[in-house]
Amino acid sequence: MNTIDSVSDRASDTREQIARLREQVEMLMRERVTPALADAAGRAENAARAVTDTVSEQAEAISGRVREQPLIAVLVAAGIGYLIGRITR
């Protein structure tokens, strides 16, 4: 009977240790990992927003130049088209 009680006590101790470890892991997730992930997601969102703004500004600038000088824009587009056509043959 003594051996059975010893095994039962060890199993109980093991369960308690696992429960404590689980609590510690959950606490670390709440206090460290989750905020770090939220911070990284915020930074990525800000970077994406900045890139989107830059691309929009550049597109508007190009559109403005095309409106100001449509003949040059058509000639440049035709030249690029010609070069791409020659390269792909």
C-alpha atoms as a PDB file:
ATOM      1  CA  MET A   1       0.000   0.000   0.000  1.00  0.00           C
ATOM      2  CA  ASN A   2       2.856   2.352   0.724  1.00  0.00           C
ATOM      3  CA  THR A   3       4.063   2.192  -2.896  1.00  0.00           C
ATOM      4  CA  ILE A   4       0.586   2.991  -4.201  1.00  0.00           C
ATOM      5  CA  ASP A   5       0.325   6.007  -1.878  1.00  0.00           C
ATOM      6  CA  SER A   6       3.773   7.179  -2.992  1.00  0.00           C
ATOM      7  CA  VAL A   7       2.843   6.930  -6.678  1.00  0.00           C
ATOM      8  CA  SER A   8      -0.453   8.719  -6.005  1.00  0.00           C
ATOM      9  CA  ASP A   9       1.353  11.521  -4.152  1.00  0.00           C
ATOM     10  CA  ARG A  10       3.863  11.897  -6.989  1.00  0.00           C
ATOM     11  CA  ALA A  11       1.074  12.027  -9.553  1.00  0.00           C
ATOM     12  CA  SER A  12      -0.685  14.690  -7.494  1.00  0.00           C
ATOM     13  CA  ASP A  13       2.547  16.697  -7.188  1.00  0.00           C
ATOM     14  CA  THR A  14       3.100  16.398 -10.919  1.00  0.00           C
ATOM     15  CA  ARG A  15      -0.416  17.677 -11.634  1.00  0.00           C
ATOM     16  CA  GLU A  16       0.152  20.624  -9.306  1.00  0.00           C
ATOM     17  CA  GLN A  17       3.456  21.459 -10.995  1.00  0.00           C
ATOM     18  CA  ILE A  18       1.837  21.279 -14.430  1.00  0.00           C
ATOM     19  CA  ALA A  19      -0.986  23.551 -13.242  1.00  0.00           C
ATOM     20  CA  ARG A  20       1.569  26.080 -11.900  1.00  0.00           C
ATOM     21  CA  LEU A  21       3.562  25.948 -15.121  1.00  0.00           C
ATOM     22  CA  ARG A  22       0.377  26.465 -17.131  1.00  0.00           C
ATOM     23  CA  GLU A  23      -0.462  29.532 -15.043  1.00  0.00           C
ATOM     24  CA  GLN A  24       3.043  30.915 -15.535  1.00  0.00           C
ATOM     25  CA  VAL A  25       2.870  30.408 -19.299  1.00  0.00           C
ATOM     26  CA  GLU A  26      -0.536  32.094 -19.456  1.00  0.00           C
ATOM     27  CA  MET A  27       0.784  35.020 -17.405  1.00  0.00           C
ATOM     28  CA  LEU A  28       3.794  35.400 -19.690  1.00  0.00           C
ATOM     29  CA  MET A  29       1.518  35.331 -22.727  1.00  0.00           C
ATOM     30  CA  ARG A  30      -0.699  38.059 -21.255  1.00  0.00           C
ATOM     31  CA  GLU A  31       2.131  40.264 -20.005  1.00  0.00           C
ATOM     32  CA  ARG A  32       4.832  39.849 -22.641  1.00  0.00           C
ATOM     33  CA  VAL A  33       3.862  38.096 -25.847  1.00  0.00           C
ATOM     34  CA  THR A  34       0.436  39.609 -26.496  1.00  0.00           C
ATOM     35  CA  PRO A  35       1.599  43.229 -26.063  1.00  0.00           C
ATOM     36  CA  ALA A  36       4.654  42.567 -28.248  1.00  0.00           C
ATOM     37  CA  LEU A  37       2.460  41.122 -30.993  1.00  0.00           C
ATOM     38  CA  ALA A  38       0.049  44.038 -30.717  1.00  0.00           C
ATOM     39  CA  ASP A  39       2.971  46.466 -30.982  1.00  0.00           C
ATOM     40  CA  ALA A  40       4.363  44.683 -34.034  1.00  0.00           C
ATOM     41  CA  ALA A  41       0.934  44.679 -35.671  1.00  0.00           C
ATOM     42  CA  GLY A  42       0.590  48.405 -35.002  1.00  0.00           C
ATOM     43  CA  ARG A  43       3.969  49.118 -36.526  1.00  0.00           C
ATOM     44  CA  ALA A  44       3.153  47.040 -39.599  1.00  0.00           C
ATOM     45  CA  GLU A  45      -0.148  48.870 -39.992  1.00  0.00           C
ATOM     46  CA  ASN A  46       1.579  52.248 -39.740  1.00  0.00           C
ATOM     47  CA  ALA A  47       4.191  51.206 -42.298  1.00  0.00           C
ATOM     48  CA  ALA A  48       1.509  49.979 -44.689  1.00  0.00           C
ATOM     49  CA  ARG A  49      -0.398  53.224 -44.279  1.00  0.00           C
ATOM     50  CA  ALA A  50       2.754  55.260 -44.970  1.00  0.00           C
ATOM     51  CA  VAL A  51       3.498  53.248 -48.116  1.00  0.00           C
ATOM     52  CA  THR A  52      -0.085  53.663 -49.313  1.00  0.00           C
ATOM     53  CA  ASP A  53       0.104  57.418 -48.755  1.00  0.00           C
ATOM     54  CA  THR A  54       3.417  57.661 -50.616  1.00  0.00           C
ATOM     55  CA  VAL A  55       2.130  55.659 -53.568  1.00  0.00           C
ATOM     56  CA  SER A  56      -1.003  57.816 -53.735  1.00  0.00           C
ATOM     57  CA  GLU A  57       1.062  60.999 -53.674  1.00  0.00           C
ATOM     58  CA  GLN A  58       3.348  59.722 -56.431  1.00  0.00           C
ATOM     59  CA  ALA A  59       0.374  58.662 -58.571  1.00  0.00           C
ATOM     60  CA  GLU A  60      -1.162  62.114 -58.166  1.00  0.00           C
ATOM     61  CA  ALA A  61       2.149  63.763 -59.090  1.00  0.00           C
ATOM     62  CA  ILE A  62       2.461  61.648 -62.238  1.00  0.00           C
ATOM     63  CA  SER A  63      -1.152  62.354 -63.166  1.00  0.00           C
ATOM     64  CA  GLY A  64      -0.486  66.059 -62.774  1.00  0.00           C
ATOM     65  CA  ARG A  65       2.528  65.892 -65.066  1.00  0.00           C
ATOM     66  CA  VAL A  66       0.583  63.962 -67.684  1.00  0.00           C
ATOM     67  CA  ARG A  67      -2.145  66.618 -67.583  1.00  0.00           C
ATOM     68  CA  GLU A  68       0.435  69.401 -67.887  1.00  0.00           C
ATOM     69  CA  GLN A  69       2.375  67.782 -70.734  1.00  0.00           C
ATOM     70  CA  PRO A  70       0.164  65.217 -72.475  1.00  0.00           C
ATOM     71  CA  LEU A  71       2.226  65.086 -75.684  1.00  0.00           C
ATOM     72  CA  ILE A  72       5.419  64.174 -73.821  1.00  0.00           C
ATOM     73  CA  ALA A  73       3.512  61.549 -71.826  1.00  0.00           C
ATOM     74  CA  VAL A  74       2.189  59.958 -75.016  1.00  0.00           C
ATOM     75  CA  LEU A  75       5.663  59.958 -76.600  1.00  0.00           C
ATOM     76  CA  VAL A  76       7.240  58.403 -73.490  1.00  0.00           C
ATOM     77  CA  ALA A  77       4.522  55.732 -73.338  1.00  0.00           C
ATOM     78  CA  ALA A  78       4.971  54.959 -77.024  1.00  0.00           C
ATOM     79  CA  GLY A  79       8.754  54.705 -76.595  1.00  0.00           C
ATOM     80  CA  ILE A  80       8.405  52.358 -73.641  1.00  0.00           C
ATOM     81  CA  GLY A  81       5.893  50.261 -75.547  1.00  0.00           C
ATOM     82  CA  TYR A  82       8.241  50.062 -78.519  1.00  0.00           C
ATOM     83  CA  LEU A  83      11.164  48.981 -76.316  1.00  0.00           C
ATOM     84  CA  ILE A  84       9.105  46.333 -74.556  1.00  0.00           C
ATOM     85  CA  GLY A  85       7.913  45.065 -77.928  1.00  0.00           C
ATOM     86  CA  ARG A  86      11.476  44.807 -79.240  1.00  0.00           C
ATOM     87  CA  ILE A  87      12.714  43.044 -76.106  1.00  0.00           C
ATOM     88  CA  THR A  88       9.948  40.441 -76.050  1.00  0.00           C
ATOM     89  CA  ARG A  89      10.398  39.371 -79.665  1.00  0.00           C
END
